[in-house]
Amino acid sequence: MRFFYRWGGHLSATMIRIRSKFDGDLDQYLLYLIFLLAEISESLPRGPRPPQTFRRRRGLNALSLAEITQIPRETTRRKLLALVERGYLVREDDGLFTLGEGYDVDQCFTDLKPLFWDAVQAER
């Protein structure tokens, strides 16, 4: 029980810190997380394949993201554009969105570290 109490405290503190990076909007964070997970998934090896060559990132559109997240499409579109303004996403010429450089994978996992490391360390 003590573990869950401590982990809950770390979860709250982590979400508050992340929320501040997304103007208090956790829906923006959810949308960003989908791009981040797609990027990580693309980088995972899937059996034997030729040496890494240049591959264009696959973009996502607002309609697909609205369906995935159950956030209304117009709201999703506005939130995606806000993420573009912050540099977290890029809107490509074809209208699809891809992960930007404003908040990268390392920064994201550094913010999440308390959930996976600090919360499970033995108490002192």
PDB file of N, CA and C in Angstrom:
ATOM      1  N   MET A   1       0.819  -1.188   0.000  1.00  0.00           N
ATOM      2  CA  MET A   1       0.000   0.000   0.000  1.00  0.00           C
ATOM      3  C   MET A   1       0.867   1.258   0.000  1.00  0.00           C
ATOM      4  N   ARG A   2       1.948   1.205   0.757  1.00  0.00           N
ATOM      5  CA  ARG A   2       2.838   2.356   0.837  1.00  0.00           C
ATOM      6  C   ARG A   2       3.420   2.691  -0.544  1.00  0.00           C
ATOM      7  N   PHE A   3       3.755   1.638  -1.324  1.00  0.00           N
ATOM      8  CA  PHE A   3       4.290   1.857  -2.672  1.00  0.00           C
ATOM      9  C   PHE A   3       3.303   2.660  -3.514  1.00  0.00           C
ATOM     10  N   PHE A   4       2.027   2.268  -3.493  1.00  0.00           N
ATOM     11  CA  PHE A   4       1.031   2.950  -4.321  1.00  0.00           C
ATOM     12  C   PHE A   4       0.814   4.387  -3.867  1.00  0.00           C
ATOM     13  N   TYR A   5       0.907   4.616  -2.577  1.00  0.00           N
ATOM     14  CA  TYR A   5       0.800   5.976  -2.060  1.00  0.00           C
ATOM     15  C   TYR A   5       1.964   6.821  -2.569  1.00  0.00           C
ATOM     16  N   ARG A   6       3.182   6.291  -2.475  1.00  0.00           N
ATOM     17  CA  ARG A   6       4.363   7.019  -2.955  1.00  0.00           C
ATOM     18  C   ARG A   6       4.283   7.227  -4.463  1.00  0.00           C
ATOM     19  N   TRP A   7       3.909   6.181  -5.202  1.00  0.00           N
ATOM     20  CA  TRP A   7       3.841   6.287  -6.655  1.00  0.00           C
ATOM     21  C   TRP A   7       2.784   7.313  -7.054  1.00  0.00           C
ATOM     22  N   GLY A   8       1.661   7.331  -6.337  1.00  0.00           N
ATOM     23  CA  GLY A   8       0.619   8.320  -6.616  1.00  0.00           C
ATOM     24  C   GLY A   8       1.128   9.741  -6.435  1.00  0.00           C
ATOM     25  N   GLY A   9       1.941   9.949  -5.417  1.00  0.00           N
ATOM     26  CA  GLY A   9       2.544  11.267  -5.214  1.00  0.00           C
ATOM     27  C   GLY A   9       3.472  11.639  -6.352  1.00  0.00           C
ATOM     28  N   HIS A  10       4.263  10.678  -6.809  1.00  0.00           N
ATOM     29  CA  HIS A  10       5.159  10.929  -7.942  1.00  0.00           C
ATOM     30  C   HIS A  10       4.356  11.178  -9.222  1.00  0.00           C
ATOM     31  N   LEU A  11       3.272  10.429  -9.407  1.00  0.00           N
ATOM     32  CA  LEU A  11       2.423  10.630 -10.583  1.00  0.00           C
ATOM     33  C   LEU A  11       1.856  12.045 -10.585  1.00  0.00           C
ATOM     34  N   SER A  12       1.329  12.480  -9.461  1.00  0.00           N
ATOM     35  CA  SER A  12       0.763  13.835  -9.375  1.00  0.00           C
ATOM     36  C   SER A  12       1.815  14.896  -9.675  1.00  0.00           C
ATOM     37  N   ALA A  13       2.975  14.782  -9.040  1.00  0.00           N
ATOM     38  CA  ALA A  13       4.043  15.771  -9.251  1.00  0.00           C
ATOM     39  C   ALA A  13       4.508  15.780 -10.700  1.00  0.00           C
ATOM     40  N   THR A  14       4.608  14.596 -11.297  1.00  0.00           N
ATOM     41  CA  THR A  14       5.049  14.493 -12.689  1.00  0.00           C
ATOM     42  C   THR A  14       4.027  15.118 -13.629  1.00  0.00           C
ATOM     43  N   MET A  15       2.749  14.821 -13.419  1.00  0.00           N
ATOM     44  CA  MET A  15       1.708  15.372 -14.287  1.00  0.00           C
ATOM     45  C   MET A  15       1.634  16.891 -14.155  1.00  0.00           C
ATOM     46  N   ILE A  16       1.841  17.415 -12.962  1.00  0.00           N
ATOM     47  CA  ILE A  16       1.840  18.872 -12.772  1.00  0.00           C
ATOM     48  C   ILE A  16       2.995  19.495 -13.550  1.00  0.00           C
ATOM     49  N   ARG A  17       4.179  18.876 -13.485  1.00  0.00           N
ATOM     50  CA  ARG A  17       5.348  19.395 -14.205  1.00  0.00           C
ATOM     51  C   ARG A  17       5.122  19.325 -15.720  1.00  0.00           C
ATOM     52  N   ILE A  18       4.597  18.201 -16.197  1.00  0.00           N
ATOM     53  CA  ILE A  18       4.348  18.054 -17.635  1.00  0.00           C
ATOM     54  C   ILE A  18       3.259  19.025 -18.083  1.00  0.00           C
ATOM     55  N   ARG A  19       2.214  19.152 -17.285  1.00  0.00           N
ATOM     56  CA  ARG A  19       1.102  20.046 -17.620  1.00  0.00           C
ATOM     57  C   ARG A  19       1.598  21.464 -17.873  1.00  0.00           C
ATOM     58  N   SER A  20       2.561  21.912 -17.085  1.00  0.00           N
ATOM     59  CA  SER A  20       3.074  23.274 -17.253  1.00  0.00           C
ATOM     60  C   SER A  20       3.800  23.444 -18.589  1.00  0.00           C
ATOM     61  N   LYS A  21       4.365  22.379 -19.128  1.00  0.00           N
ATOM     62  CA  LYS A  21       5.052  22.468 -20.424  1.00  0.00           C
ATOM     63  C   LYS A  21       4.076  22.525 -21.590  1.00  0.00           C
ATOM     64  N   PHE A  22       2.819  22.182 -21.328  1.00  0.00           N
ATOM     65  CA  PHE A  22       1.805  22.154 -22.378  1.00  0.00           C
ATOM     66  C   PHE A  22       0.673  23.134 -22.075  1.00  0.00           C
ATOM     67  N   ASP A  23       1.024  24.285 -21.518  1.00  0.00           N
ATOM     68  CA  ASP A  23       0.053  25.342 -21.205  1.00  0.00           C
ATOM     69  C   ASP A  23      -1.133  24.827 -20.393  1.00  0.00           C
ATOM     70  N   GLY A  24      -0.898  23.879 -19.516  1.00  0.00           N
ATOM     71  CA  GLY A  24      -1.966  23.352 -18.678  1.00  0.00           C
ATOM     72  C   GLY A  24      -2.928  22.434 -19.398  1.00  0.00           C
ATOM     73  N   ASP A  25      -2.578  22.007 -20.596  1.00  0.00           N
ATOM     74  CA  ASP A  25      -3.493  21.237 -21.437  1.00  0.00           C
ATOM     75  C   ASP A  25      -2.977  19.801 -21.595  1.00  0.00           C
ATOM     76  N   LEU A  26      -3.533  18.887 -20.818  1.00  0.00           N
ATOM     77  CA  LEU A  26      -3.082  17.495 -20.893  1.00  0.00           C
ATOM     78  C   LEU A  26      -3.534  16.805 -22.181  1.00  0.00           C
ATOM     79  N   ASP A  27      -4.565  17.342 -22.853  1.00  0.00           N
ATOM     80  CA  ASP A  27      -4.930  16.796 -24.166  1.00  0.00           C
ATOM     81  C   ASP A  27      -3.800  17.029 -25.173  1.00  0.00           C
ATOM     82  N   GLN A  28      -3.147  18.192 -25.094  1.00  0.00           N
ATOM     83  CA  GLN A  28      -1.991  18.435 -25.970  1.00  0.00           C
ATOM     84  C   GLN A  28      -0.899  17.414 -25.685  1.00  0.00           C
ATOM     85  N   TYR A  29      -0.691  17.120 -24.412  1.00  0.00           N
ATOM     86  CA  TYR A  29       0.325  16.131 -24.048  1.00  0.00           C
ATOM     87  C   TYR A  29      -0.046  14.757 -24.598  1.00  0.00           C
ATOM     88  N   LEU A  30      -1.311  14.394 -24.504  1.00  0.00           N
ATOM     89  CA  LEU A  30      -1.768  13.117 -25.051  1.00  0.00           C
ATOM     90  C   LEU A  30      -1.496  13.042 -26.553  1.00  0.00           C
ATOM     91  N   LEU A  31      -1.816  14.102 -27.275  1.00  0.00           N
ATOM     92  CA  LEU A  31      -1.549  14.133 -28.717  1.00  0.00           C
ATOM     93  C   LEU A  31      -0.052  14.023 -28.992  1.00  0.00           C
ATOM     94  N   TYR A  32       0.745  14.769 -28.237  1.00  0.00           N
ATOM     95  CA  TYR A  32       2.196  14.715 -28.414  1.00  0.00           C
ATOM     96  C   TYR A  32       2.718  13.309 -28.141  1.00  0.00           C
ATOM     97  N   LEU A  33       2.189  12.669 -27.104  1.00  0.00           N
ATOM     98  CA  LEU A  33       2.627  11.325 -26.733  1.00  0.00           C
ATOM     99  C   LEU A  33       2.382  10.324 -27.856  1.00  0.00           C
ATOM    100  N   ILE A  34       1.299  10.486 -28.594  1.00  0.00           N
ATOM    101  CA  ILE A  34       1.026   9.600 -29.727  1.00  0.00           C
ATOM    102  C   ILE A  34       2.124   9.733 -30.772  1.00  0.00           C
ATOM    103  N   PHE A  35       2.557  10.953 -31.063  1.00  0.00           N
ATOM    104  CA  PHE A  35       3.652  11.156 -32.015  1.00  0.00           C
ATOM    105  C   PHE A  35       4.944  10.548 -31.488  1.00  0.00           C
ATOM    106  N   LEU A  36       5.200  10.744 -30.218  1.00  0.00           N
ATOM    107  CA  LEU A  36       6.411  10.214 -29.600  1.00  0.00           C
ATOM    108  C   LEU A  36       6.438   8.689 -29.673  1.00  0.00           C
ATOM    109  N   LEU A  37       5.336   8.052 -29.337  1.00  0.00           N
ATOM    110  CA  LEU A  37       5.275   6.591 -29.382  1.00  0.00           C
ATOM    111  C   LEU A  37       5.375   6.071 -30.812  1.00  0.00           C
ATOM    112  N   ALA A  38       4.787   6.788 -31.766  1.00  0.00           N
ATOM    113  CA  ALA A  38       4.909   6.392 -33.176  1.00  0.00           C
ATOM    114  C   ALA A  38       6.359   6.471 -33.628  1.00  0.00           C
ATOM    115  N   GLU A  39       7.058   7.516 -33.190  1.00  0.00           N
ATOM    116  CA  GLU A  39       8.471   7.687 -33.536  1.00  0.00           C
ATOM    117  C   GLU A  39       9.310   6.552 -32.947  1.00  0.00           C
ATOM    118  N   ILE A  40       9.065   6.219 -31.695  1.00  0.00           N
ATOM    119  CA  ILE A  40       9.801   5.129 -31.055  1.00  0.00           C
ATOM    120  C   ILE A  40       9.493   3.809 -31.758  1.00  0.00           C
ATOM    121  N   SER A  41       8.244   3.582 -32.075  1.00  0.00           N
ATOM    122  CA  SER A  41       7.836   2.352 -32.757  1.00  0.00           C
ATOM    123  C   SER A  41       8.525   2.208 -34.112  1.00  0.00           C
ATOM    124  N   GLU A  42       8.633   3.312 -34.835  1.00  0.00           N
ATOM    125  CA  GLU A  42       9.296   3.284 -36.147  1.00  0.00           C
ATOM    126  C   GLU A  42      10.769   2.922 -36.031  1.00  0.00           C
ATOM    127  N   SER A  43      11.386   3.250 -34.909  1.00  0.00           N
ATOM    128  CA  SER A  43      12.823   3.021 -34.767  1.00  0.00           C
ATOM    129  C   SER A  43      13.154   1.612 -34.271  1.00  0.00           C
ATOM    130  N   LEU A  44      12.153   0.862 -33.845  1.00  0.00           N
ATOM    131  CA  LEU A  44      12.407  -0.490 -33.346  1.00  0.00           C
ATOM    132  C   LEU A  44      12.653  -1.456 -34.498  1.00  0.00           C
ATOM    133  N   PRO A  45      13.640  -2.343 -34.360  1.00  0.00           N
ATOM    134  CA  PRO A  45      13.893  -3.318 -35.420  1.00  0.00           C
ATOM    135  C   PRO A  45      12.749  -4.327 -35.520  1.00  0.00           C
ATOM    136  N   ARG A  46      12.441  -4.711 -36.745  1.00  0.00           N
ATOM    137  CA  ARG A  46      11.390  -5.696 -36.993  1.00  0.00           C
ATOM    138  C   ARG A  46      11.950  -6.821 -37.866  1.00  0.00           C
ATOM    139  N   GLY A  47      12.822  -7.602 -37.302  1.00  0.00           N
ATOM    140  CA  GLY A  47      13.397  -8.707 -38.058  1.00  0.00           C
ATOM    141  C   GLY A  47      14.488  -8.228 -38.991  1.00  0.00           C
ATOM    142  N   PRO A  48      15.003  -9.150 -39.813  1.00  0.00           N
ATOM    143  CA  PRO A  48      16.092  -8.773 -40.724  1.00  0.00           C
ATOM    144  C   PRO A  48      15.614  -7.755 -41.759  1.00  0.00           C
ATOM    145  N   ARG A  49      16.409  -6.750 -41.943  1.00  0.00           N
ATOM    146  CA  ARG A  49      16.087  -5.752 -42.971  1.00  0.00           C
ATOM    147  C   ARG A  49      17.375  -5.108 -43.446  1.00  0.00           C
ATOM    148  N   PRO A  50      17.325  -4.443 -44.576  1.00  0.00           N
ATOM    149  CA  PRO A  50      18.538  -3.824 -45.114  1.00  0.00           C
ATOM    150  C   PRO A  50      19.050  -2.723 -44.193  1.00  0.00           C
ATOM    151  N   PRO A  51      20.302  -2.304 -44.388  1.00  0.00           N
ATOM    152  CA  PRO A  51      20.855  -1.232 -43.558  1.00  0.00           C
ATOM    153  C   PRO A  51      19.953  -0.003 -43.574  1.00  0.00           C
ATOM    154  N   GLN A  52      20.006   0.735 -42.490  1.00  0.00           N
ATOM    155  CA  GLN A  52      19.163   1.921 -42.338  1.00  0.00           C
ATOM    156  C   GLN A  52      19.415   2.902 -43.476  1.00  0.00           C
ATOM    157  N   THR A  53      18.381   3.243 -44.163  1.00  0.00           N
ATOM    158  CA  THR A  53      18.454   4.254 -45.214  1.00  0.00           C
ATOM    159  C   THR A  53      17.520   5.384 -44.810  1.00  0.00           C
ATOM    160  N   PHE A  54      17.626   6.490 -45.523  1.00  0.00           N
ATOM    161  CA  PHE A  54      16.763   7.620 -45.203  1.00  0.00           C
ATOM    162  C   PHE A  54      15.310   7.222 -45.420  1.00  0.00           C
ATOM    163  N   ARG A  55      14.524   7.429 -44.392  1.00  0.00           N
ATOM    164  CA  ARG A  55      13.089   7.196 -44.503  1.00  0.00           C
ATOM    165  C   ARG A  55      12.368   8.449 -44.059  1.00  0.00           C
ATOM    166  N   ARG A  56      11.415   8.844 -44.850  1.00  0.00           N
ATOM    167  CA  ARG A  56      10.607   9.997 -44.472  1.00  0.00           C
ATOM    168  C   ARG A  56       9.716   9.596 -43.303  1.00  0.00           C
ATOM    169  N   ARG A  57       9.650  10.457 -42.324  1.00  0.00           N
ATOM    170  CA  ARG A  57       8.746  10.204 -41.202  1.00  0.00           C
ATOM    171  C   ARG A  57       7.318  10.135 -41.702  1.00  0.00           C
ATOM    172  N   ARG A  58       6.585   9.222 -41.146  1.00  0.00           N
ATOM    173  CA  ARG A  58       5.170   9.151 -41.492  1.00  0.00           C
ATOM    174  C   ARG A  58       4.411  10.149 -40.639  1.00  0.00           C
ATOM    175  N   GLY A  59       3.627  10.971 -41.289  1.00  0.00           N
ATOM    176  CA  GLY A  59       2.850  11.959 -40.562  1.00  0.00           C
ATOM    177  C   GLY A  59       1.483  11.425 -40.173  1.00  0.00           C
ATOM    178  N   LEU A  60       0.839  12.151 -39.302  1.00  0.00           N
ATOM    179  CA  LEU A  60      -0.513  11.817 -38.865  1.00  0.00           C
ATOM    180  C   LEU A  60      -1.412  13.011 -39.143  1.00  0.00           C
ATOM    181  N   ASN A  61      -2.682  12.743 -39.410  1.00  0.00           N
ATOM    182  CA  ASN A  61      -3.602  13.849 -39.666  1.00  0.00           C
ATOM    183  C   ASN A  61      -4.546  14.048 -38.483  1.00  0.00           C
ATOM    184  N   ALA A  62      -5.189  15.188 -38.463  1.00  0.00           N
ATOM    185  CA  ALA A  62      -6.052  15.559 -37.339  1.00  0.00           C
ATOM    186  C   ALA A  62      -7.228  14.599 -37.186  1.00  0.00           C
ATOM    187  N   LEU A  63      -7.803  14.149 -38.287  1.00  0.00           N
ATOM    188  CA  LEU A  63      -8.952  13.251 -38.202  1.00  0.00           C
ATOM    189  C   LEU A  63      -8.572  11.928 -37.530  1.00  0.00           C
ATOM    190  N   SER A  64      -7.454  11.344 -37.943  1.00  0.00           N
ATOM    191  CA  SER A  64      -7.005  10.084 -37.331  1.00  0.00           C
ATOM    192  C   SER A  64      -6.732  10.264 -35.845  1.00  0.00           C
ATOM    193  N   LEU A  65      -6.078  11.365 -35.503  1.00  0.00           N
ATOM    194  CA  LEU A  65      -5.770  11.626 -34.094  1.00  0.00           C
ATOM    195  C   LEU A  65      -7.040  11.861 -33.276  1.00  0.00           C
ATOM    196  N   ALA A  66      -8.024  12.520 -33.873  1.00  0.00           N
ATOM    197  CA  ALA A  66      -9.297  12.734 -33.185  1.00  0.00           C
ATOM    198  C   ALA A  66      -9.977  11.393 -32.908  1.00  0.00           C
ATOM    199  N   GLU A  67      -9.917  10.491 -33.873  1.00  0.00           N
ATOM    200  CA  GLU A  67     -10.520   9.173 -33.678  1.00  0.00           C
ATOM    201  C   GLU A  67      -9.770   8.368 -32.615  1.00  0.00           C
ATOM    202  N   ILE A  68      -8.447   8.442 -32.628  1.00  0.00           N
ATOM    203  CA  ILE A  68      -7.636   7.700 -31.655  1.00  0.00           C
ATOM    204  C   ILE A  68      -7.890   8.199 -30.235  1.00  0.00           C
ATOM    205  N   THR A  69      -7.919   9.516 -30.065  1.00  0.00           N
ATOM    206  CA  THR A  69      -7.995  10.113 -28.724  1.00  0.00           C
ATOM    207  C   THR A  69      -9.418  10.388 -28.245  1.00  0.00           C
ATOM    208  N   GLN A  70     -10.382  10.340 -29.156  1.00  0.00           N
ATOM    209  CA  GLN A  70     -11.767  10.700 -28.838  1.00  0.00           C
ATOM    210  C   GLN A  70     -11.908  12.180 -28.477  1.00  0.00           C
ATOM    211  N   ILE A  71     -10.958  12.993 -28.941  1.00  0.00           N
ATOM    212  CA  ILE A  71     -11.052  14.448 -28.804  1.00  0.00           C
ATOM    213  C   ILE A  71     -11.726  14.942 -30.083  1.00  0.00           C
ATOM    214  N   PRO A  72     -12.713  15.834 -30.003  1.00  0.00           N
ATOM    215  CA  PRO A  72     -13.370  16.316 -31.224  1.00  0.00           C
ATOM    216  C   PRO A  72     -12.348  16.809 -32.263  1.00  0.00           C
ATOM    217  N   ARG A  73     -12.671  16.591 -33.539  1.00  0.00           N
ATOM    218  CA  ARG A  73     -11.725  16.874 -34.621  1.00  0.00           C
ATOM    219  C   ARG A  73     -11.253  18.323 -34.635  1.00  0.00           C
ATOM    220  N   GLU A  74     -12.164  19.265 -34.508  1.00  0.00           N
ATOM    221  CA  GLU A  74     -11.761  20.674 -34.549  1.00  0.00           C
ATOM    222  C   GLU A  74     -10.883  21.024 -33.349  1.00  0.00           C
ATOM    223  N   THR A  75     -11.206  20.481 -32.200  1.00  0.00           N
ATOM    224  CA  THR A  75     -10.377  20.699 -31.009  1.00  0.00           C
ATOM    225  C   THR A  75      -8.997  20.093 -31.231  1.00  0.00           C
ATOM    226  N   THR A  76      -8.971  18.898 -31.797  1.00  0.00           N
ATOM    227  CA  THR A  76      -7.696  18.239 -32.103  1.00  0.00           C
ATOM    228  C   THR A  76      -6.869  19.104 -33.040  1.00  0.00           C
ATOM    229  N   ARG A  77      -7.503  19.627 -34.081  1.00  0.00           N
ATOM    230  CA  ARG A  77      -6.796  20.466 -35.054  1.00  0.00           C
ATOM    231  C   ARG A  77      -6.191  21.695 -34.376  1.00  0.00           C
ATOM    232  N   ARG A  78      -6.959  22.363 -33.532  1.00  0.00           N
ATOM    233  CA  ARG A  78      -6.454  23.551 -32.824  1.00  0.00           C
ATOM    234  C   ARG A  78      -5.278  23.194 -31.912  1.00  0.00           C
ATOM    235  N   LYS A  79      -5.384  22.083 -31.223  1.00  0.00           N
ATOM    236  CA  LYS A  79      -4.313  21.674 -30.313  1.00  0.00           C
ATOM    237  C   LYS A  79      -3.053  21.293 -31.093  1.00  0.00           C
ATOM    238  N   LEU A  80      -3.224  20.661 -32.242  1.00  0.00           N
ATOM    239  CA  LEU A  80      -2.071  20.326 -33.083  1.00  0.00           C
ATOM    240  C   LEU A  80      -1.375  21.598 -33.562  1.00  0.00           C
ATOM    241  N   LEU A  81      -2.150  22.588 -33.966  1.00  0.00           N
ATOM    242  CA  LEU A  81      -1.553  23.851 -34.415  1.00  0.00           C
ATOM    243  C   LEU A  81      -0.824  24.553 -33.266  1.00  0.00           C
ATOM    244  N   ALA A  82      -1.356  24.449 -32.052  1.00  0.00           N
ATOM    245  CA  ALA A  82      -0.663  25.019 -30.885  1.00  0.00           C
ATOM    246  C   ALA A  82       0.665  24.293 -30.656  1.00  0.00           C
ATOM    247  N   LEU A  83       0.683  22.982 -30.852  1.00  0.00           N
ATOM    248  CA  LEU A  83       1.928  22.216 -30.708  1.00  0.00           C
ATOM    249  C   LEU A  83       2.931  22.586 -31.799  1.00  0.00           C
ATOM    250  N   VAL A  84       2.437  22.910 -32.987  1.00  0.00           N
ATOM    251  CA  VAL A  84       3.313  23.370 -34.073  1.00  0.00           C
ATOM    252  C   VAL A  84       3.943  24.703 -33.686  1.00  0.00           C
ATOM    253  N   GLU A  85       3.144  25.621 -33.152  1.00  0.00           N
ATOM    254  CA  GLU A  85       3.661  26.937 -32.747  1.00  0.00           C
ATOM    255  C   GLU A  85       4.770  26.816 -31.708  1.00  0.00           C
ATOM    256  N   ARG A  86       4.681  25.825 -30.851  1.00  0.00           N
ATOM    257  CA  ARG A  86       5.692  25.630 -29.807  1.00  0.00           C
ATOM    258  C   ARG A  86       6.907  24.857 -30.303  1.00  0.00           C
ATOM    259  N   GLY A  87       6.838  24.345 -31.524  1.00  0.00           N
ATOM    260  CA  GLY A  87       7.961  23.582 -32.059  1.00  0.00           C
ATOM    261  C   GLY A  87       7.934  22.110 -31.689  1.00  0.00           C
ATOM    262  N   TYR A  88       6.874  21.662 -31.029  1.00  0.00           N
ATOM    263  CA  TYR A  88       6.773  20.258 -30.632  1.00  0.00           C
ATOM    264  C   TYR A  88       6.393  19.374 -31.817  1.00  0.00           C
ATOM    265  N   LEU A  89       5.651  19.950 -32.765  1.00  0.00           N
ATOM    266  CA  LEU A  89       5.278  19.242 -33.993  1.00  0.00           C
ATOM    267  C   LEU A  89       5.626  20.113 -35.188  1.00  0.00           C
ATOM    268  N   VAL A  90       5.656  19.487 -36.351  1.00  0.00           N
ATOM    269  CA  VAL A  90       5.876  20.188 -37.618  1.00  0.00           C
ATOM    270  C   VAL A  90       4.705  19.834 -38.525  1.00  0.00           C
ATOM    271  N   ARG A  91       4.176  20.840 -39.219  1.00  0.00           N
ATOM    272  CA  ARG A  91       3.135  20.561 -40.209  1.00  0.00           C
ATOM    273  C   ARG A  91       3.808  20.520 -41.575  1.00  0.00           C
ATOM    274  N   GLU A  92       3.742  19.361 -42.192  1.00  0.00           N
ATOM    275  CA  GLU A  92       4.389  19.152 -43.490  1.00  0.00           C
ATOM    276  C   GLU A  92       3.561  19.786 -44.606  1.00  0.00           C
ATOM    277  N   ASP A  93       4.166  19.880 -45.797  1.00  0.00           N
ATOM    278  CA  ASP A  93       3.485  20.482 -46.946  1.00  0.00           C
ATOM    279  C   ASP A  93       2.206  19.734 -47.321  1.00  0.00           C
ATOM    280  N   ASP A  94       2.174  18.432 -47.046  1.00  0.00           N
ATOM    281  CA  ASP A  94       0.988  17.641 -47.382  1.00  0.00           C
ATOM    282  C   ASP A  94      -0.111  17.741 -46.315  1.00  0.00           C
ATOM    283  N   GLY A  95       0.122  18.571 -45.279  1.00  0.00           N
ATOM    284  CA  GLY A  95      -0.867  18.773 -44.232  1.00  0.00           C
ATOM    285  C   GLY A  95      -0.756  17.816 -43.061  1.00  0.00           C
ATOM    286  N   LEU A  96       0.116  16.821 -43.177  1.00  0.00           N
ATOM    287  CA  LEU A  96       0.299  15.870 -42.082  1.00  0.00           C
ATOM    288  C   LEU A  96       1.235  16.456 -41.032  1.00  0.00           C
ATOM    289  N   PHE A  97       1.094  15.993 -39.814  1.00  0.00           N
ATOM    290  CA  PHE A  97       1.913  16.462 -38.702  1.00  0.00           C
ATOM    291  C   PHE A  97       2.959  15.409 -38.354  1.00  0.00           C
ATOM    292  N   THR A  98       4.170  15.877 -38.036  1.00  0.00           N
ATOM    293  CA  THR A  98       5.248  14.994 -37.592  1.00  0.00           C
ATOM    294  C   THR A  98       5.868  15.576 -36.327  1.00  0.00           C
ATOM    295  N   LEU A  99       6.650  14.767 -35.653  1.00  0.00           N
ATOM    296  CA  LEU A  99       7.303  15.184 -34.418  1.00  0.00           C
ATOM    297  C   LEU A  99       8.317  16.282 -34.710  1.00  0.00           C
ATOM    298  N   GLY A 100       8.309  17.340 -33.911  1.00  0.00           N
ATOM    299  CA  GLY A 100       9.257  18.440 -34.061  1.00  0.00           C
ATOM    300  C   GLY A 100      10.432  18.280 -33.115  1.00  0.00           C
ATOM    301  N   GLU A 101      11.234  19.321 -33.025  1.00  0.00           N
ATOM    302  CA  GLU A 101      12.442  19.277 -32.196  1.00  0.00           C
ATOM    303  C   GLU A 101      12.275  19.999 -30.860  1.00  0.00           C
ATOM    304  N   GLY A 102      11.123  20.626 -30.621  1.00  0.00           N
ATOM    305  CA  GLY A 102      10.947  21.457 -29.437  1.00  0.00           C
ATOM    306  C   GLY A 102      10.955  20.728 -28.111  1.00  0.00           C
ATOM    307  N   TYR A 103      10.609  19.466 -28.111  1.00  0.00           N
ATOM    308  CA  TYR A 103      10.535  18.681 -26.871  1.00  0.00           C
ATOM    309  C   TYR A 103      10.793  17.248 -27.299  1.00  0.00           C
ATOM    310  N   ASP A 104      12.027  16.809 -27.165  1.00  0.00           N
ATOM    311  CA  ASP A 104      12.392  15.523 -27.765  1.00  0.00           C
ATOM    312  C   ASP A 104      12.182  14.343 -26.822  1.00  0.00           C
ATOM    313  N   VAL A 105      12.474  13.165 -27.337  1.00  0.00           N
ATOM    314  CA  VAL A 105      12.270  11.918 -26.605  1.00  0.00           C
ATOM    315  C   VAL A 105      13.017  11.928 -25.274  1.00  0.00           C
ATOM    316  N   ASP A 106      14.273  12.367 -25.292  1.00  0.00           N
ATOM    317  CA  ASP A 106      15.067  12.379 -24.060  1.00  0.00           C
ATOM    318  C   ASP A 106      14.447  13.285 -23.000  1.00  0.00           C
ATOM    319  N   GLN A 107      13.998  14.475 -23.414  1.00  0.00           N
ATOM    320  CA  GLN A 107      13.371  15.391 -22.456  1.00  0.00           C
ATOM    321  C   GLN A 107      12.094  14.784 -21.881  1.00  0.00           C
ATOM    322  N   CYS A 108      11.322  14.156 -22.743  1.00  0.00           N
ATOM    323  CA  CYS A 108      10.066  13.557 -22.299  1.00  0.00           C
ATOM    324  C   CYS A 108      10.325  12.476 -21.253  1.00  0.00           C
ATOM    325  N   PHE A 109      11.285  11.595 -21.524  1.00  0.00           N
ATOM    326  CA  PHE A 109      11.552  10.518 -20.573  1.00  0.00           C
ATOM    327  C   PHE A 109      12.254  11.017 -19.312  1.00  0.00           C
ATOM    328  N   THR A 110      12.979  12.108 -19.415  1.00  0.00           N
ATOM    329  CA  THR A 110      13.544  12.719 -18.209  1.00  0.00           C
ATOM    330  C   THR A 110      12.411  13.209 -17.310  1.00  0.00           C
ATOM    331  N   ASP A 111      11.383  13.800 -17.922  1.00  0.00           N
ATOM    332  CA  ASP A 111      10.227  14.257 -17.143  1.00  0.00           C
ATOM    333  C   ASP A 111       9.462  13.093 -16.518  1.00  0.00           C
ATOM    334  N   LEU A 112       9.446  11.951 -17.200  1.00  0.00           N
ATOM    335  CA  LEU A 112       8.712  10.788 -16.696  1.00  0.00           C
ATOM    336  C   LEU A 112       9.527   9.927 -15.731  1.00  0.00           C
ATOM    337  N   LYS A 113      10.816  10.215 -15.617  1.00  0.00           N
ATOM    338  CA  LYS A 113      11.716   9.409 -14.780  1.00  0.00           C
ATOM    339  C   LYS A 113      11.188   9.167 -13.364  1.00  0.00           C
ATOM    340  N   PRO A 114      10.623  10.167 -12.697  1.00  0.00           N
ATOM    341  CA  PRO A 114      10.145   9.908 -11.336  1.00  0.00           C
ATOM    342  C   PRO A 114       9.136   8.761 -11.245  1.00  0.00           C
ATOM    343  N   LEU A 115       8.389   8.541 -12.302  1.00  0.00           N
ATOM    344  CA  LEU A 115       7.404   7.461 -12.268  1.00  0.00           C
ATOM    345  C   LEU A 115       8.056   6.091 -12.345  1.00  0.00           C
ATOM    346  N   PHE A 116       9.197   6.028 -13.021  1.00  0.00           N
ATOM    347  CA  PHE A 116       9.803   4.725 -13.284  1.00  0.00           C
ATOM    348  C   PHE A 116      11.018   4.431 -12.421  1.00  0.00           C
ATOM    349  N   TRP A 117      11.587   5.443 -11.817  1.00  0.00           N
ATOM    350  CA  TRP A 117      12.788   5.213 -11.027  1.00  0.00           C
ATOM    351  C   TRP A 117      12.600   5.674  -9.587  1.00  0.00           C
ATOM    352  N   ASP A 118      12.333   6.948  -9.415  1.00  0.00           N
ATOM    353  CA  ASP A 118      12.212   7.494  -8.061  1.00  0.00           C
ATOM    354  C   ASP A 118      11.119   6.786  -7.257  1.00  0.00           C
ATOM    355  N   ALA A 119      10.017   6.452  -7.925  1.00  0.00           N
ATOM    356  CA  ALA A 119       8.883   5.867  -7.213  1.00  0.00           C
ATOM    357  C   ALA A 119       9.139   4.441  -6.744  1.00  0.00           C
ATOM    358  N   VAL A 120      10.080   3.753  -7.359  1.00  0.00           N
ATOM    359  CA  VAL A 120      10.305   2.353  -6.982  1.00  0.00           C
ATOM    360  C   VAL A 120      11.565   2.150  -6.150  1.00  0.00           C
ATOM    361  N   GLN A 121      12.311   3.205  -5.898  1.00  0.00           N
ATOM    362  CA  GLN A 121      13.493   3.081  -5.050  1.00  0.00           C
ATOM    363  C   GLN A 121      13.073   2.822  -3.606  1.00  0.00           C
ATOM    364  N   ALA A 122      13.906   2.090  -2.910  1.00  0.00           N
ATOM    365  CA  ALA A 122      13.627   1.810  -1.501  1.00  0.00           C
ATOM    366  C   ALA A 122      13.669   3.101  -0.692  1.00  0.00           C
ATOM    367  N   GLU A 123      12.814   3.182   0.296  1.00  0.00           N
ATOM    368  CA  GLU A 123      12.809   4.365   1.170  1.00  0.00           C
ATOM    369  C   GLU A 123      14.066   4.387   2.012  1.00  0.00           C
ATOM    370  N   ARG A 124      14.517   5.577   2.342  1.00  0.00           N
ATOM    371  CA  ARG A 124      15.717   5.728   3.178  1.00  0.00           C
ATOM    372  C   ARG A 124      15.350   6.227   4.527  1.00  0.00           C
TER     373      ARG A 124
END
